[in-house]
PDB file of N, CA and C in Angstrom:
ATOM      1  N   MET A   1     -22.401  -0.707 -21.132  1.00  0.00           N
ATOM      2  CA  MET A   1     -22.862   0.515 -20.537  1.00  0.00           C
ATOM      3  C   MET A   1     -22.681   1.651 -21.522  1.00  0.00           C
ATOM      4  N   GLN A   2     -23.654   2.537 -21.577  1.00  0.00           N
ATOM      5  CA  GLN A   2     -23.532   3.690 -22.434  1.00  0.00           C
ATOM      6  C   GLN A   2     -23.841   4.947 -21.645  1.00  0.00           C
ATOM      7  N   THR A   3     -23.163   6.006 -21.974  1.00  0.00           N
ATOM      8  CA  THR A   3     -23.421   7.290 -21.345  1.00  0.00           C
ATOM      9  C   THR A   3     -23.621   8.331 -22.427  1.00  0.00           C
ATOM     10  N   GLU A   4     -24.459   9.320 -22.150  1.00  0.00           N
ATOM     11  CA  GLU A   4     -24.709  10.368 -23.126  1.00  0.00           C
ATOM     12  C   GLU A   4     -23.598  11.411 -23.056  1.00  0.00           C
ATOM     13  N   HIS A   5     -23.150  11.826 -24.205  1.00  0.00           N
ATOM     14  CA  HIS A   5     -22.073  12.816 -24.307  1.00  0.00           C
ATOM     15  C   HIS A   5     -22.693  14.174 -24.613  1.00  0.00           C
ATOM     16  N   ASN A   6     -22.286  15.200 -23.938  1.00  0.00           N
ATOM     17  CA  ASN A   6     -22.799  16.551 -24.151  1.00  0.00           C
ATOM     18  C   ASN A   6     -22.112  17.172 -25.365  1.00  0.00           C
ATOM     19  N   CYS A   7     -22.852  17.417 -26.427  1.00  0.00           N
ATOM     20  CA  CYS A   7     -22.297  17.965 -27.669  1.00  0.00           C
ATOM     21  C   CYS A   7     -22.279  19.487 -27.678  1.00  0.00           C
ATOM     22  N   GLN A   8     -22.868  20.120 -26.727  1.00  0.00           N
ATOM     23  CA  GLN A   8     -22.949  21.576 -26.628  1.00  0.00           C
ATOM     24  C   GLN A   8     -23.584  22.190 -27.870  1.00  0.00           C
ATOM     25  N   GLY A   9     -24.692  21.596 -28.325  1.00  0.00           N
ATOM     26  CA  GLY A   9     -25.458  22.150 -29.433  1.00  0.00           C
ATOM     27  C   GLY A   9     -24.950  21.800 -30.814  1.00  0.00           C
ATOM     28  N   GLN A  10     -23.903  21.033 -30.955  1.00  0.00           N
ATOM     29  CA  GLN A  10     -23.344  20.724 -32.264  1.00  0.00           C
ATOM     30  C   GLN A  10     -23.979  19.492 -32.899  1.00  0.00           C
ATOM     31  N   CYS A  11     -24.606  18.642 -32.114  1.00  0.00           N
ATOM     32  CA  CYS A  11     -25.260  17.461 -32.658  1.00  0.00           C
ATOM     33  C   CYS A  11     -26.495  17.150 -31.819  1.00  0.00           C
ATOM     34  N   ASN A  12     -27.394  16.332 -32.349  1.00  0.00           N
ATOM     35  CA  ASN A  12     -28.616  15.990 -31.626  1.00  0.00           C
ATOM     36  C   ASN A  12     -28.369  14.944 -30.556  1.00  0.00           C
ATOM     37  N   HIS A  13     -27.708  13.874 -30.917  1.00  0.00           N
ATOM     38  CA  HIS A  13     -27.396  12.796 -29.973  1.00  0.00           C
ATOM     39  C   HIS A  13     -26.039  12.198 -30.316  1.00  0.00           C
ATOM     40  N   HIS A  14     -25.274  11.960 -29.307  1.00  0.00           N
ATOM     41  CA  HIS A  14     -23.961  11.335 -29.495  1.00  0.00           C
ATOM     42  C   HIS A  14     -23.737  10.413 -28.312  1.00  0.00           C
ATOM     43  N   TRP A  15     -23.513   9.147 -28.569  1.00  0.00           N
ATOM     44  CA  TRP A  15     -23.327   8.166 -27.497  1.00  0.00           C
ATOM     45  C   TRP A  15     -21.892   7.679 -27.505  1.00  0.00           C
ATOM     46  N   THR A  16     -21.318   7.552 -26.326  1.00  0.00           N
ATOM     47  CA  THR A  16     -19.989   6.974 -26.189  1.00  0.00           C
ATOM     48  C   THR A  16     -20.074   5.798 -25.232  1.00  0.00           C
ATOM     49  N   ALA A  17     -19.338   4.756 -25.512  1.00  0.00           N
ATOM     50  CA  ALA A  17     -19.336   3.577 -24.647  1.00  0.00           C
ATOM     51  C   ALA A  17     -18.348   3.792 -23.506  1.00  0.00           C
ATOM     52  N   SER A  18     -18.792   3.507 -22.292  1.00  0.00           N
ATOM     53  CA  SER A  18     -17.876   3.603 -21.158  1.00  0.00           C
ATOM     54  C   SER A  18     -17.317   2.220 -20.862  1.00  0.00           C
ATOM     55  N   ILE A  19     -16.126   2.167 -20.352  1.00  0.00           N
ATOM     56  CA  ILE A  19     -15.479   0.898 -20.047  1.00  0.00           C
ATOM     57  C   ILE A  19     -15.880   0.470 -18.649  1.00  0.00           C
ATOM     58  N   THR A  20     -16.419  -0.747 -18.534  1.00  0.00           N
ATOM     59  CA  THR A  20     -16.795  -1.288 -17.237  1.00  0.00           C
ATOM     60  C   THR A  20     -15.542  -1.775 -16.532  1.00  0.00           C
ATOM     61  N   LYS A  21     -15.406  -1.424 -15.258  1.00  0.00           N
ATOM     62  CA  LYS A  21     -14.214  -1.744 -14.486  1.00  0.00           C
ATOM     63  C   LYS A  21     -14.651  -2.284 -13.132  1.00  0.00           C
ATOM     64  N   CYS A  22     -13.963  -3.307 -12.644  1.00  0.00           N
ATOM     65  CA  CYS A  22     -14.269  -3.894 -11.343  1.00  0.00           C
ATOM     66  C   CYS A  22     -13.979  -2.885 -10.235  1.00  0.00           C
ATOM     67  N   TYR A  23     -14.929  -2.716  -9.335  1.00  0.00           N
ATOM     68  CA  TYR A  23     -14.783  -1.778  -8.225  1.00  0.00           C
ATOM     69  C   TYR A  23     -13.678  -2.218  -7.265  1.00  0.00           C
ATOM     70  N   ASN A  24     -13.460  -3.524  -7.156  1.00  0.00           N
ATOM     71  CA  ASN A  24     -12.481  -4.052  -6.200  1.00  0.00           C
ATOM     72  C   ASN A  24     -11.069  -4.130  -6.784  1.00  0.00           C
ATOM     73  N   CYS A  25     -10.904  -4.805  -7.921  1.00  0.00           N
ATOM     74  CA  CYS A  25      -9.555  -5.056  -8.458  1.00  0.00           C
ATOM     75  C   CYS A  25      -9.223  -4.247  -9.712  1.00  0.00           C
ATOM     76  N   GLN A  26     -10.165  -3.478 -10.227  1.00  0.00           N
ATOM     77  CA  GLN A  26      -9.970  -2.588 -11.379  1.00  0.00           C
ATOM     78  C   GLN A  26      -9.782  -3.311 -12.711  1.00  0.00           C
ATOM     79  N   THR A  27     -10.092  -4.608 -12.792  1.00  0.00           N
ATOM     80  CA  THR A  27      -9.957  -5.322 -14.060  1.00  0.00           C
ATOM     81  C   THR A  27     -11.061  -4.888 -15.021  1.00  0.00           C
ATOM     82  N   VAL A  28     -10.804  -5.048 -16.321  1.00  0.00           N
ATOM     83  CA  VAL A  28     -11.797  -4.698 -17.329  1.00  0.00           C
ATOM     84  C   VAL A  28     -12.249  -5.917 -18.127  1.00  0.00           C
ATOM     85  N   THR A  29     -11.656  -7.098 -17.859  1.00  0.00           N
ATOM     86  CA  THR A  29     -12.046  -8.321 -18.560  1.00  0.00           C
ATOM     87  C   THR A  29     -12.525  -9.360 -17.564  1.00  0.00           C
ATOM     88  N   THR A  30     -13.682  -9.931 -17.846  1.00  0.00           N
ATOM     89  CA  THR A  30     -14.254 -10.978 -17.015  1.00  0.00           C
ATOM     90  C   THR A  30     -15.341 -11.675 -17.816  1.00  0.00           C
ATOM     91  N   PRO A  31     -15.580 -12.964 -17.575  1.00  0.00           N
ATOM     92  CA  PRO A  31     -16.657 -13.635 -18.292  1.00  0.00           C
ATOM     93  C   PRO A  31     -18.047 -13.198 -17.823  1.00  0.00           C
ATOM     94  N   LEU A  32     -18.143 -12.621 -16.612  1.00  0.00           N
ATOM     95  CA  LEU A  32     -19.443 -12.217 -16.085  1.00  0.00           C
ATOM     96  C   LEU A  32     -19.274 -11.058 -15.112  1.00  0.00           C
ATOM     97  N   TRP A  33     -20.042 -10.004 -15.317  1.00  0.00           N
ATOM     98  CA  TRP A  33     -20.037  -8.876 -14.377  1.00  0.00           C
ATOM     99  C   TRP A  33     -21.086  -9.116 -13.319  1.00  0.00           C
ATOM    100  N   ARG A  34     -20.771  -8.800 -12.079  1.00  0.00           N
ATOM    101  CA  ARG A  34     -21.672  -8.986 -10.949  1.00  0.00           C
ATOM    102  C   ARG A  34     -21.814  -7.672 -10.199  1.00  0.00           C
ATOM    103  N   ARG A  35     -22.708  -7.658  -9.208  1.00  0.00           N
ATOM    104  CA  ARG A  35     -22.883  -6.494  -8.331  1.00  0.00           C
ATOM    105  C   ARG A  35     -22.663  -6.938  -6.893  1.00  0.00           C
ATOM    106  N   ASP A  36     -22.004  -6.083  -6.097  1.00  0.00           N
ATOM    107  CA  ASP A  36     -21.829  -6.402  -4.680  1.00  0.00           C
ATOM    108  C   ASP A  36     -23.043  -5.898  -3.895  1.00  0.00           C
ATOM    109  N   ASP A  37     -23.020  -6.051  -2.585  1.00  0.00           N
ATOM    110  CA  ASP A  37     -24.151  -5.659  -1.745  1.00  0.00           C
ATOM    111  C   ASP A  37     -24.444  -4.164  -1.817  1.00  0.00           C
ATOM    112  N   SER A  38     -23.442  -3.364  -2.145  1.00  0.00           N
ATOM    113  CA  SER A  38     -23.614  -1.912  -2.244  1.00  0.00           C
ATOM    114  C   SER A  38     -24.047  -1.474  -3.636  1.00  0.00           C
ATOM    115  N   GLY A  39     -24.111  -2.420  -4.588  1.00  0.00           N
ATOM    116  CA  GLY A  39     -24.505  -2.094  -5.950  1.00  0.00           C
ATOM    117  C   GLY A  39     -23.357  -1.753  -6.870  1.00  0.00           C
ATOM    118  N   ASN A  40     -22.125  -1.904  -6.395  1.00  0.00           N
ATOM    119  CA  ASN A  40     -20.953  -1.639  -7.230  1.00  0.00           C
ATOM    120  C   ASN A  40     -20.736  -2.785  -8.206  1.00  0.00           C
ATOM    121  N   THR A  41     -20.248  -2.477  -9.406  1.00  0.00           N
ATOM    122  CA  THR A  41     -19.947  -3.491 -10.407  1.00  0.00           C
ATOM    123  C   THR A  41     -18.625  -4.156 -10.062  1.00  0.00           C
ATOM    124  N   ILE A  42     -18.641  -5.487  -9.973  1.00  0.00           N
ATOM    125  CA  ILE A  42     -17.425  -6.247  -9.682  1.00  0.00           C
ATOM    126  C   ILE A  42     -17.289  -7.386 -10.679  1.00  0.00           C
ATOM    127  N   CYS A  43     -16.064  -7.871 -10.851  1.00  0.00           N
ATOM    128  CA  CYS A  43     -15.809  -8.966 -11.789  1.00  0.00           C
ATOM    129  C   CYS A  43     -16.282 -10.292 -11.195  1.00  0.00           C
ATOM    130  N   ASN A  44     -16.317 -11.303 -12.013  1.00  0.00           N
ATOM    131  CA  ASN A  44     -16.760 -12.623 -11.591  1.00  0.00           C
ATOM    132  C   ASN A  44     -15.906 -13.166 -10.453  1.00  0.00           C
ATOM    133  N   ALA A  45     -14.586 -13.040 -10.563  1.00  0.00           N
ATOM    134  CA  ALA A  45     -13.681 -13.572  -9.540  1.00  0.00           C
ATOM    135  C   ALA A  45     -13.919 -12.907  -8.189  1.00  0.00           C
ATOM    136  N   CYS A  46     -14.044 -11.593  -8.169  1.00  0.00           N
ATOM    137  CA  CYS A  46     -14.279 -10.877  -6.909  1.00  0.00           C
ATOM    138  C   CYS A  46     -15.650 -11.212  -6.337  1.00  0.00           C
ATOM    139  N   GLY A  47     -16.635 -11.366  -7.206  1.00  0.00           N
ATOM    140  CA  GLY A  47     -17.979 -11.706  -6.750  1.00  0.00           C
ATOM    141  C   GLY A  47     -18.051 -13.083  -6.126  1.00  0.00           C
ATOM    142  N   LEU A  48     -17.414 -14.063  -6.752  1.00  0.00           N
ATOM    143  CA  LEU A  48     -17.420 -15.419  -6.207  1.00  0.00           C
ATOM    144  C   LEU A  48     -16.610 -15.504  -4.922  1.00  0.00           C
ATOM    145  N   TYR A  49     -15.498 -14.779  -4.858  1.00  0.00           N
ATOM    146  CA  TYR A  49     -14.671 -14.770  -3.649  1.00  0.00           C
ATOM    147  C   TYR A  49     -15.458 -14.172  -2.484  1.00  0.00           C
ATOM    148  N   TYR A  50     -16.154 -13.077  -2.732  1.00  0.00           N
ATOM    149  CA  TYR A  50     -16.938 -12.435  -1.678  1.00  0.00           C
ATOM    150  C   TYR A  50     -18.073 -13.348  -1.210  1.00  0.00           C
ATOM    151  N   LYS A  51     -18.709 -14.025  -2.160  1.00  0.00           N
ATOM    152  CA  LYS A  51     -19.816 -14.930  -1.821  1.00  0.00           C
ATOM    153  C   LYS A  51     -19.338 -16.076  -0.927  1.00  0.00           C
ATOM    154  N   LEU A  52     -18.127 -16.564  -1.151  1.00  0.00           N
ATOM    155  CA  LEU A  52     -17.597 -17.690  -0.390  1.00  0.00           C
ATOM    156  C   LEU A  52     -16.986 -17.266   0.946  1.00  0.00           C
ATOM    157  N   HIS A  53     -16.251 -16.161   0.972  1.00  0.00           N
ATOM    158  CA  HIS A  53     -15.479 -15.764   2.155  1.00  0.00           C
ATOM    159  C   HIS A  53     -16.061 -14.586   2.943  1.00  0.00           C
ATOM    160  N   HIS A  54     -17.043 -13.883   2.370  1.00  0.00           N
ATOM    161  CA  HIS A  54     -17.678 -12.717   3.006  1.00  0.00           C
ATOM    162  C   HIS A  54     -16.704 -11.575   3.286  1.00  0.00           C
ATOM    163  N   VAL A  55     -15.637 -11.484   2.516  1.00  0.00           N
ATOM    164  CA  VAL A  55     -14.692 -10.360   2.546  1.00  0.00           C
ATOM    165  C   VAL A  55     -14.292 -10.054   1.104  1.00  0.00           C
ATOM    166  N   GLN A  56     -13.830  -8.832   0.859  1.00  0.00           N
ATOM    167  CA  GLN A  56     -13.384  -8.459  -0.476  1.00  0.00           C
ATOM    168  C   GLN A  56     -12.158  -9.272  -0.878  1.00  0.00           C
ATOM    169  N   ARG A  57     -12.085  -9.628  -2.145  1.00  0.00           N
ATOM    170  CA  ARG A  57     -10.956 -10.391  -2.673  1.00  0.00           C
ATOM    171  C   ARG A  57      -9.693  -9.532  -2.650  1.00  0.00           C
ATOM    172  N   PRO A  58      -8.585 -10.070  -2.106  1.00  0.00           N
ATOM    173  CA  PRO A  58      -7.332  -9.300  -2.082  1.00  0.00           C
ATOM    174  C   PRO A  58      -6.838  -9.002  -3.498  1.00  0.00           C
ATOM    175  N   VAL A  59      -6.359  -7.806  -3.720  1.00  0.00           N
ATOM    176  CA  VAL A  59      -5.860  -7.401  -5.035  1.00  0.00           C
ATOM    177  C   VAL A  59      -4.649  -8.235  -5.428  1.00  0.00           C
ATOM    178  N   SER A  60      -3.921  -8.770  -4.452  1.00  0.00           N
ATOM    179  CA  SER A  60      -2.743  -9.594  -4.744  1.00  0.00           C
ATOM    180  C   SER A  60      -3.116 -10.889  -5.467  1.00  0.00           C
ATOM    181  N   MET A  61      -4.373 -11.285  -5.434  1.00  0.00           N
ATOM    182  CA  MET A  61      -4.819 -12.500  -6.117  1.00  0.00           C
ATOM    183  C   MET A  61      -5.168 -12.247  -7.583  1.00  0.00           C
ATOM    184  N   LYS A  62      -5.120 -11.006  -8.037  1.00  0.00           N
ATOM    185  CA  LYS A  62      -5.482 -10.669  -9.407  1.00  0.00           C
ATOM    186  C   LYS A  62      -4.529 -11.314 -10.404  1.00  0.00           C
ATOM    187  N   ARG A  63      -5.073 -11.876 -11.460  1.00  0.00           N
ATOM    188  CA  ARG A  63      -4.300 -12.478 -12.550  1.00  0.00           C
ATOM    189  C   ARG A  63      -4.405 -11.589 -13.779  1.00  0.00           C
ATOM    190  N   THR A  64      -3.400 -11.647 -14.640  1.00  0.00           N
ATOM    191  CA  THR A  64      -3.425 -10.820 -15.845  1.00  0.00           C
ATOM    192  C   THR A  64      -4.194 -11.479 -16.984  1.00  0.00           C
ATOM    193  N   VAL A  65      -4.331 -12.795 -16.958  1.00  0.00           N
ATOM    194  CA  VAL A  65      -5.069 -13.504 -18.003  1.00  0.00           C
ATOM    195  C   VAL A  65      -6.119 -14.405 -17.367  1.00  0.00           C
ATOM    196  N   ILE A  66      -7.166 -14.691 -18.135  1.00  0.00           N
ATOM    197  CA  ILE A  66      -8.198 -15.608 -17.680  1.00  0.00           C
ATOM    198  C   ILE A  66      -7.753 -17.020 -18.027  1.00  0.00           C
ATOM    199  N   LYS A  67      -7.677 -17.886 -17.039  1.00  0.00           N
ATOM    200  CA  LYS A  67      -7.226 -19.256 -17.245  1.00  0.00           C
ATOM    201  C   LYS A  67      -8.408 -20.115 -17.696  1.00  0.00           C
ATOM    202  N   ARG A  68      -8.260 -20.771 -18.822  1.00  0.00           N
ATOM    203  CA  ARG A  68      -9.295 -21.650 -19.361  1.00  0.00           C
ATOM    204  C   ARG A  68      -9.129 -23.054 -18.809  1.00  0.00           C
ATOM    205  N   ARG A  69     -10.256 -23.695 -18.529  1.00  0.00           N
ATOM    206  CA  ARG A  69     -10.221 -25.077 -18.055  1.00  0.00           C
ATOM    207  C   ARG A  69     -10.606 -26.001 -19.193  1.00  0.00           C
ATOM    208  N   LYS A  70      -9.927 -27.153 -19.294  1.00  0.00           N
ATOM    209  CA  LYS A  70     -10.248 -28.137 -20.327  1.00  0.00           C
ATOM    210  C   LYS A  70     -11.327 -29.058 -19.786  1.00  0.00           C
ATOM    211  N   ARG A  71     -12.425 -29.135 -20.490  1.00  0.00           N
ATOM    212  CA  ARG A  71     -13.538 -29.998 -20.064  1.00  0.00           C
ATOM    213  C   ARG A  71     -13.948 -30.899 -21.182  1.00  0.00           C
TER     214      ARG A  71
END
């Protein structure tokens, strides 16, 4: 995601990158960003949980690291 930064006449164009954050659990790392029914950006874990259970994923289920599976 990119947002335009207001330079107040000092430059022609200046772009800054905004950090994408999950609307539900506030995480910034995920293998896939999704959107909920309201259009909010959510992480993969919250999106899959909502799809399966039809309720928002509890914040208590948040993990600090992404667990890799051996295949």
